Amino acid sequence: MERMTRRQFVVTSAVAVGGLISMGAVQPGGIMADEIKWIESDCKKEGKKYLVAYESNCGSTSGVAKAIADVMCEQEVAVDVRHIKNITDVSIYDGVVIGSAVKSASWCPEAIRFVKDNQGHLKRIPVFYFLTCLALYTDTQKNRELAQTYFNPVLKAVPEVKPRAMEAFAGALDYSKLNMVVRMIMKSKMEKQGVPEGDFRDFQKIESWAQNTVLPVLY
């Protein structure tokens, strides 16, 4: 039997682990990774109540969700920010903004499942979708068009829910939030794509979308 060289072993291992990451079998956090904090908040006002729900790989998408909710709260709108895993009842909300990080050119499976499980109510109220991705590290027309395709899996999985608007935002790359295995794979992948470590979220763009696209429908 042929002996595998060290380089072949590393490449093969990287491909295998990359596949496991895509399937969700290997998670970002863990050994030697910083704690990931999930942002949740309440803005209590009179009248209708809205939800900003999110799924995130390493926490940066939660910051986008909070920024959207903050704009809504400033306009006297009651809004909750919740990690998808902590939402038990969407029927109490009059409108929902749902966002996800991107995994394997798609919303995270948990976010798609959330829409599917709650489609009975979501199809009757205003719904907005957003995502965060590193494809928008370079904001070009080509990359914007690519980022929009990442919505296709959820649109196909739950066609009954028709979002009023969808927007893609640049995300963040923080290797400290990744365990050793995922860090190795991500560094190799991002270096090939020319994406450096850093926070590329454009909060001015995020807040503008909330102000000019979401609020006119809800408020």
C-alpha atoms as a PDB file:
ATOM      1  CA  MET A   1       0.000   0.000   0.000  1.00  0.00           C
ATOM      2  CA  GLU A   2       1.293   3.491  -0.933  1.00  0.00           C
ATOM      3  CA  ARG A   3       2.442   5.623   1.977  1.00  0.00           C
ATOM      4  CA  MET A   4       0.729   8.993   2.285  1.00  0.00           C
ATOM      5  CA  THR A   5       3.055  11.979   2.399  1.00  0.00           C
ATOM      6  CA  ARG A   6       2.712  14.532   5.176  1.00  0.00           C
ATOM      7  CA  ARG A   7       1.340  17.097   2.709  1.00  0.00           C
ATOM      8  CA  GLN A   8      -1.224  14.627   1.360  1.00  0.00           C
ATOM      9  CA  PHE A   9      -2.265  13.803   4.920  1.00  0.00           C
ATOM     10  CA  VAL A  10      -2.758  17.479   5.812  1.00  0.00           C
ATOM     11  CA  VAL A  11      -4.734  18.176   2.635  1.00  0.00           C
ATOM     12  CA  THR A  12      -6.896  15.084   3.057  1.00  0.00           C
ATOM     13  CA  SER A  13      -7.531  15.879   6.711  1.00  0.00           C
ATOM     14  CA  ALA A  14      -8.451  19.458   5.875  1.00  0.00           C
ATOM     15  CA  VAL A  15     -10.955  18.336   3.253  1.00  0.00           C
ATOM     16  CA  ALA A  16     -12.485  15.809   5.638  1.00  0.00           C
ATOM     17  CA  VAL A  17     -12.759  18.260   8.518  1.00  0.00           C
ATOM     18  CA  GLY A  18     -14.080  20.930   6.175  1.00  0.00           C
ATOM     19  CA  GLY A  19     -16.859  18.553   5.206  1.00  0.00           C
ATOM     20  CA  LEU A  20     -17.673  17.914   8.853  1.00  0.00           C
ATOM     21  CA  ILE A  21     -17.806  21.650   9.516  1.00  0.00           C
ATOM     22  CA  SER A  22     -20.202  22.131   6.612  1.00  0.00           C
ATOM     23  CA  MET A  23     -22.470  19.425   8.010  1.00  0.00           C
ATOM     24  CA  GLY A  24     -22.291  20.928  11.490  1.00  0.00           C
ATOM     25  CA  ALA A  25     -20.500  17.923  12.983  1.00  0.00           C
ATOM     26  CA  VAL A  26     -17.590  20.134  14.060  1.00  0.00           C
ATOM     27  CA  GLN A  27     -18.628  23.316  15.857  1.00  0.00           C
ATOM     28  CA  PRO A  28     -16.672  26.622  15.977  1.00  0.00           C
ATOM     29  CA  GLY A  29     -16.341  26.836  19.788  1.00  0.00           C
ATOM     30  CA  GLY A  30     -14.651  24.397  22.073  1.00  0.00           C
ATOM     31  CA  ILE A  31     -11.077  23.700  23.094  1.00  0.00           C
ATOM     32  CA  MET A  32      -8.923  26.838  23.192  1.00  0.00           C
ATOM     33  CA  ALA A  33     -11.676  29.059  21.771  1.00  0.00           C
ATOM     34  CA  ASP A  34     -12.998  32.206  23.438  1.00  0.00           C
ATOM     35  CA  GLU A  35     -16.529  32.078  24.807  1.00  0.00           C
ATOM     36  CA  ILE A  36     -19.198  33.066  22.292  1.00  0.00           C
ATOM     37  CA  LYS A  37     -21.783  35.473  23.692  1.00  0.00           C
ATOM     38  CA  TRP A  38     -25.311  35.505  22.289  1.00  0.00           C
ATOM     39  CA  ILE A  39     -26.935  38.937  22.544  1.00  0.00           C
ATOM     40  CA  GLU A  40     -30.542  39.124  23.688  1.00  0.00           C
ATOM     41  CA  SER A  41     -32.528  42.203  24.692  1.00  0.00           C
ATOM     42  CA  ASP A  42     -36.012  43.621  25.231  1.00  0.00           C
ATOM     43  CA  CYS A  43     -37.386  47.023  24.314  1.00  0.00           C
ATOM     44  CA  LYS A  44     -40.725  47.367  26.057  1.00  0.00           C
ATOM     45  CA  LYS A  45     -43.165  49.820  24.488  1.00  0.00           C
ATOM     46  CA  GLU A  46     -46.930  50.039  24.164  1.00  0.00           C
ATOM     47  CA  GLY A  47     -48.689  48.655  21.110  1.00  0.00           C
ATOM     48  CA  LYS A  48     -47.523  46.084  18.596  1.00  0.00           C
ATOM     49  CA  LYS A  49     -44.561  43.855  19.354  1.00  0.00           C
ATOM     50  CA  TYR A  50     -41.828  42.717  17.005  1.00  0.00           C
ATOM     51  CA  LEU A  51     -39.026  40.150  17.035  1.00  0.00           C
ATOM     52  CA  VAL A  52     -35.496  40.175  15.651  1.00  0.00           C
ATOM     53  CA  ALA A  53     -34.405  36.525  15.589  1.00  0.00           C
ATOM     54  CA  TYR A  54     -30.963  35.306  14.596  1.00  0.00           C
ATOM     55  CA  GLU A  55     -28.696  32.311  14.190  1.00  0.00           C
ATOM     56  CA  SER A  56     -24.943  32.866  14.353  1.00  0.00           C
ATOM     57  CA  ASN A  57     -21.748  30.862  14.050  1.00  0.00           C
ATOM     58  CA  CYS A  58     -19.512  32.935  16.331  1.00  0.00           C
ATOM     59  CA  GLY A  59     -21.706  35.739  17.605  1.00  0.00           C
ATOM     60  CA  SER A  60     -21.183  38.551  15.092  1.00  0.00           C
ATOM     61  CA  THR A  61     -24.657  38.128  13.569  1.00  0.00           C
ATOM     62  CA  SER A  62     -26.158  38.790  16.990  1.00  0.00           C
ATOM     63  CA  GLY A  63     -24.556  42.246  16.888  1.00  0.00           C
ATOM     64  CA  VAL A  64     -26.283  42.941  13.587  1.00  0.00           C
ATOM     65  CA  ALA A  65     -29.617  41.818  15.049  1.00  0.00           C
ATOM     66  CA  LYS A  66     -29.120  44.124  18.036  1.00  0.00           C
ATOM     67  CA  ALA A  67     -28.283  47.083  15.793  1.00  0.00           C
ATOM     68  CA  ILE A  68     -31.503  46.557  13.816  1.00  0.00           C
ATOM     69  CA  ALA A  69     -33.534  46.275  17.012  1.00  0.00           C
ATOM     70  CA  ASP A  70     -31.941  49.426  18.461  1.00  0.00           C
ATOM     71  CA  VAL A  71     -33.120  51.468  15.481  1.00  0.00           C
ATOM     72  CA  MET A  72     -36.615  50.073  15.900  1.00  0.00           C
ATOM     73  CA  CYS A  73     -36.613  50.814  19.620  1.00  0.00           C
ATOM     74  CA  GLU A  74     -35.625  54.437  19.016  1.00  0.00           C
ATOM     75  CA  GLN A  75     -38.842  54.811  17.017  1.00  0.00           C
ATOM     76  CA  GLU A  76     -40.973  53.664  19.942  1.00  0.00           C
ATOM     77  CA  VAL A  77     -41.368  50.130  18.618  1.00  0.00           C
ATOM     78  CA  ALA A  78     -41.523  47.237  21.094  1.00  0.00           C
ATOM     79  CA  VAL A  79     -38.951  44.676  19.981  1.00  0.00           C
ATOM     80  CA  ASP A  80     -37.240  41.574  21.353  1.00  0.00           C
ATOM     81  CA  VAL A  81     -33.850  40.289  20.189  1.00  0.00           C
ATOM     82  CA  ARG A  82     -33.554  36.528  20.561  1.00  0.00           C
ATOM     83  CA  HIS A  83     -31.215  33.730  19.574  1.00  0.00           C
ATOM     84  CA  ILE A  84     -33.370  31.308  17.581  1.00  0.00           C
ATOM     85  CA  LYS A  85     -32.806  28.451  20.011  1.00  0.00           C
ATOM     86  CA  ASN A  86     -34.453  30.495  22.793  1.00  0.00           C
ATOM     87  CA  ILE A  87     -37.674  31.353  20.943  1.00  0.00           C
ATOM     88  CA  THR A  88     -40.676  29.287  21.953  1.00  0.00           C
ATOM     89  CA  ASP A  89     -43.647  31.293  20.654  1.00  0.00           C
ATOM     90  CA  VAL A  90     -43.696  33.564  17.594  1.00  0.00           C
ATOM     91  CA  SER A  91     -47.469  34.018  17.687  1.00  0.00           C
ATOM     92  CA  ILE A  92     -47.102  36.938  20.109  1.00  0.00           C
ATOM     93  CA  TYR A  93     -45.296  39.039  17.484  1.00  0.00           C
ATOM     94  CA  ASP A  94     -46.792  41.302  14.812  1.00  0.00           C
ATOM     95  CA  GLY A  95     -43.708  41.192  12.606  1.00  0.00           C
ATOM     96  CA  VAL A  96     -40.389  39.338  12.550  1.00  0.00           C
ATOM     97  CA  VAL A  97     -36.909  40.104  11.234  1.00  0.00           C
ATOM     98  CA  ILE A  98     -34.885  36.901  10.825  1.00  0.00           C
ATOM     99  CA  GLY A  99     -31.154  36.756  10.201  1.00  0.00           C
ATOM    100  CA  SER A 100     -28.454  34.132   9.935  1.00  0.00           C
ATOM    101  CA  ALA A 101     -24.778  33.700   9.369  1.00  0.00           C
ATOM    102  CA  VAL A 102     -23.865  31.760   6.238  1.00  0.00           C
ATOM    103  CA  LYS A 103     -22.761  28.148   6.276  1.00  0.00           C
ATOM    104  CA  SER A 104     -22.109  26.232   3.040  1.00  0.00           C
ATOM    105  CA  ALA A 105     -23.581  29.009   0.839  1.00  0.00           C
ATOM    106  CA  SER A 106     -26.825  29.065   2.816  1.00  0.00           C
ATOM    107  CA  TRP A 107     -28.494  30.291   5.951  1.00  0.00           C
ATOM    108  CA  CYS A 108     -27.608  28.027   8.881  1.00  0.00           C
ATOM    109  CA  PRO A 109     -29.877  24.940   9.022  1.00  0.00           C
ATOM    110  CA  GLU A 110     -31.278  26.061  12.385  1.00  0.00           C
ATOM    111  CA  ALA A 111     -32.527  29.325  10.867  1.00  0.00           C
ATOM    112  CA  ILE A 112     -34.212  27.547   7.967  1.00  0.00           C
ATOM    113  CA  ARG A 113     -35.801  25.107  10.402  1.00  0.00           C
ATOM    114  CA  PHE A 114     -37.089  28.037  12.485  1.00  0.00           C
ATOM    115  CA  VAL A 115     -38.886  29.498   9.462  1.00  0.00           C
ATOM    116  CA  LYS A 116     -40.251  26.103   8.481  1.00  0.00           C
ATOM    117  CA  ASP A 117     -41.499  25.293  11.987  1.00  0.00           C
ATOM    118  CA  ASN A 118     -43.224  28.668  12.354  1.00  0.00           C
ATOM    119  CA  GLN A 119     -44.431  29.239   8.817  1.00  0.00           C
ATOM    120  CA  GLY A 120     -48.096  29.103   9.861  1.00  0.00           C
ATOM    121  CA  HIS A 121     -47.752  32.428  11.678  1.00  0.00           C
ATOM    122  CA  LEU A 122     -44.897  33.928   9.664  1.00  0.00           C
ATOM    123  CA  LYS A 123     -46.824  33.779   6.390  1.00  0.00           C
ATOM    124  CA  ARG A 124     -49.517  36.016   7.911  1.00  0.00           C
ATOM    125  CA  ILE A 125     -47.284  38.840   9.187  1.00  0.00           C
ATOM    126  CA  PRO A 126     -44.529  41.079   7.764  1.00  0.00           C
ATOM    127  CA  VAL A 127     -41.231  39.189   7.660  1.00  0.00           C
ATOM    128  CA  PHE A 128     -37.753  40.375   6.691  1.00  0.00           C
ATOM    129  CA  TYR A 129     -34.617  38.294   6.064  1.00  0.00           C
ATOM    130  CA  PHE A 130     -30.967  39.247   6.472  1.00  0.00           C
ATOM    131  CA  LEU A 131     -27.653  37.405   6.486  1.00  0.00           C
ATOM    132  CA  THR A 132     -24.012  38.045   7.265  1.00  0.00           C
ATOM    133  CA  CYS A 133     -21.208  36.644   5.157  1.00  0.00           C
ATOM    134  CA  LEU A 134     -17.538  37.145   4.406  1.00  0.00           C
ATOM    135  CA  ALA A 135     -18.204  37.213   0.661  1.00  0.00           C
ATOM    136  CA  LEU A 136     -18.989  40.916   1.173  1.00  0.00           C
ATOM    137  CA  TYR A 137     -15.549  41.650   2.624  1.00  0.00           C
ATOM    138  CA  THR A 138     -15.090  43.184  -0.816  1.00  0.00           C
ATOM    139  CA  ASP A 139     -18.308  45.004  -1.665  1.00  0.00           C
ATOM    140  CA  THR A 140     -18.633  44.530  -5.416  1.00  0.00           C
ATOM    141  CA  GLN A 141     -21.686  43.995  -7.585  1.00  0.00           C
ATOM    142  CA  LYS A 142     -20.550  40.421  -8.253  1.00  0.00           C
ATOM    143  CA  ASN A 143     -20.201  39.670  -4.541  1.00  0.00           C
ATOM    144  CA  ARG A 144     -23.541  41.314  -3.744  1.00  0.00           C
ATOM    145  CA  GLU A 145     -25.225  39.101  -6.332  1.00  0.00           C
ATOM    146  CA  LEU A 146     -23.454  36.057  -4.900  1.00  0.00           C
ATOM    147  CA  ALA A 147     -24.541  36.926  -1.353  1.00  0.00           C
ATOM    148  CA  GLN A 148     -28.170  37.172  -2.470  1.00  0.00           C
ATOM    149  CA  THR A 149     -28.037  33.561  -3.674  1.00  0.00           C
ATOM    150  CA  TYR A 150     -27.423  32.469  -0.080  1.00  0.00           C
ATOM    151  CA  PHE A 151     -31.119  33.179   0.577  1.00  0.00           C
ATOM    152  CA  ASN A 152     -32.200  30.633  -2.031  1.00  0.00           C
ATOM    153  CA  PRO A 153     -32.227  27.573   0.280  1.00  0.00           C
ATOM    154  CA  VAL A 154     -34.667  29.140   2.756  1.00  0.00           C
ATOM    155  CA  LEU A 155     -36.826  30.575  -0.033  1.00  0.00           C
ATOM    156  CA  LYS A 156     -37.002  27.144  -1.624  1.00  0.00           C
ATOM    157  CA  ALA A 157     -37.567  25.310   1.671  1.00  0.00           C
ATOM    158  CA  VAL A 158     -40.413  27.582   2.821  1.00  0.00           C
ATOM    159  CA  PRO A 159     -41.976  29.290  -0.221  1.00  0.00           C
ATOM    160  CA  GLU A 160     -45.143  30.100   1.732  1.00  0.00           C
ATOM    161  CA  VAL A 161     -43.243  32.714   3.772  1.00  0.00           C
ATOM    162  CA  LYS A 162     -42.570  35.670   1.506  1.00  0.00           C
ATOM    163  CA  PRO A 163     -40.158  38.224   3.001  1.00  0.00           C
ATOM    164  CA  ARG A 164     -40.912  41.891   2.372  1.00  0.00           C
ATOM    165  CA  ALA A 165     -37.199  42.506   1.859  1.00  0.00           C
ATOM    166  CA  MET A 166     -33.868  40.665   2.095  1.00  0.00           C
ATOM    167  CA  GLU A 167     -30.449  42.164   2.751  1.00  0.00           C
ATOM    168  CA  ALA A 168     -26.926  40.757   2.975  1.00  0.00           C
ATOM    169  CA  PHE A 169     -24.298  42.363   5.203  1.00  0.00           C
ATOM    170  CA  ALA A 170     -20.578  41.785   5.592  1.00  0.00           C
ATOM    171  CA  GLY A 171     -19.700  39.709   8.635  1.00  0.00           C
ATOM    172  CA  ALA A 172     -16.691  39.357  10.910  1.00  0.00           C
ATOM    173  CA  LEU A 173     -13.800  36.913  11.069  1.00  0.00           C
ATOM    174  CA  ASP A 174     -12.418  36.338  14.566  1.00  0.00           C
ATOM    175  CA  TYR A 175     -10.165  33.308  14.879  1.00  0.00           C
ATOM    176  CA  SER A 176     -10.207  33.518  18.668  1.00  0.00           C
ATOM    177  CA  LYS A 177     -13.802  32.248  18.599  1.00  0.00           C
ATOM    178  CA  LEU A 178     -12.798  29.074  16.724  1.00  0.00           C
ATOM    179  CA  ASN A 179     -11.351  25.896  18.141  1.00  0.00           C
ATOM    180  CA  MET A 180      -8.000  24.634  16.854  1.00  0.00           C
ATOM    181  CA  VAL A 181      -9.412  22.402  14.126  1.00  0.00           C
ATOM    182  CA  VAL A 182     -11.896  24.919  12.725  1.00  0.00           C
ATOM    183  CA  ARG A 183      -9.306  27.698  13.007  1.00  0.00           C
ATOM    184  CA  MET A 184      -6.875  25.721  10.851  1.00  0.00           C
ATOM    185  CA  ILE A 185      -9.471  25.090   8.161  1.00  0.00           C
ATOM    186  CA  MET A 186     -10.808  28.649   8.151  1.00  0.00           C
ATOM    187  CA  LYS A 187      -7.352  30.214   7.974  1.00  0.00           C
ATOM    188  CA  SER A 188      -6.472  28.097   4.955  1.00  0.00           C
ATOM    189  CA  LYS A 189      -9.766  28.875   3.253  1.00  0.00           C
ATOM    190  CA  MET A 190      -9.754  32.612   3.982  1.00  0.00           C
ATOM    191  CA  GLU A 191      -6.108  33.057   2.967  1.00  0.00           C
ATOM    192  CA  LYS A 192      -6.897  31.536  -0.418  1.00  0.00           C
ATOM    193  CA  GLN A 193      -9.802  33.972  -0.796  1.00  0.00           C
ATOM    194  CA  GLY A 194      -7.732  36.932   0.357  1.00  0.00           C
ATOM    195  CA  VAL A 195      -9.943  37.656   3.383  1.00  0.00           C
ATOM    196  CA  PRO A 196      -8.036  38.921   6.456  1.00  0.00           C
ATOM    197  CA  GLU A 197      -9.151  38.594  10.050  1.00  0.00           C
ATOM    198  CA  GLY A 198     -11.312  41.497  11.186  1.00  0.00           C
ATOM    199  CA  ASP A 199     -14.762  42.962  11.715  1.00  0.00           C
ATOM    200  CA  PHE A 200     -16.257  44.077   8.401  1.00  0.00           C
ATOM    201  CA  ARG A 201     -19.779  44.844   9.601  1.00  0.00           C
ATOM    202  CA  ASP A 202     -21.009  48.190   8.248  1.00  0.00           C
ATOM    203  CA  PHE A 203     -23.319  49.392  11.004  1.00  0.00           C
ATOM    204  CA  GLN A 204     -24.269  52.499   9.075  1.00  0.00           C
ATOM    205  CA  LYS A 205     -25.623  50.292   6.292  1.00  0.00           C
ATOM    206  CA  ILE A 206     -27.315  47.992   8.806  1.00  0.00           C
ATOM    207  CA  GLU A 207     -29.023  50.860  10.616  1.00  0.00           C
ATOM    208  CA  SER A 208     -30.040  52.481   7.334  1.00  0.00           C
ATOM    209  CA  TRP A 209     -31.738  49.254   6.227  1.00  0.00           C
ATOM    210  CA  ALA A 210     -33.623  49.050   9.502  1.00  0.00           C
ATOM    211  CA  GLN A 211     -34.646  52.710   9.289  1.00  0.00           C
ATOM    212  CA  ASN A 212     -35.579  52.924   5.618  1.00  0.00           C
ATOM    213  CA  THR A 213     -36.735  49.412   4.742  1.00  0.00           C
ATOM    214  CA  VAL A 214     -37.990  47.627   7.859  1.00  0.00           C
ATOM    215  CA  LEU A 215     -39.577  50.441   9.865  1.00  0.00           C
ATOM    216  CA  PRO A 216     -41.800  51.891   7.107  1.00  0.00           C
ATOM    217  CA  VAL A 217     -43.566  48.526   6.871  1.00  0.00           C
ATOM    218  CA  LEU A 218     -43.851  47.845  10.590  1.00  0.00           C
ATOM    219  CA  TYR A 219     -44.393  51.290  12.061  1.00  0.00           C
END
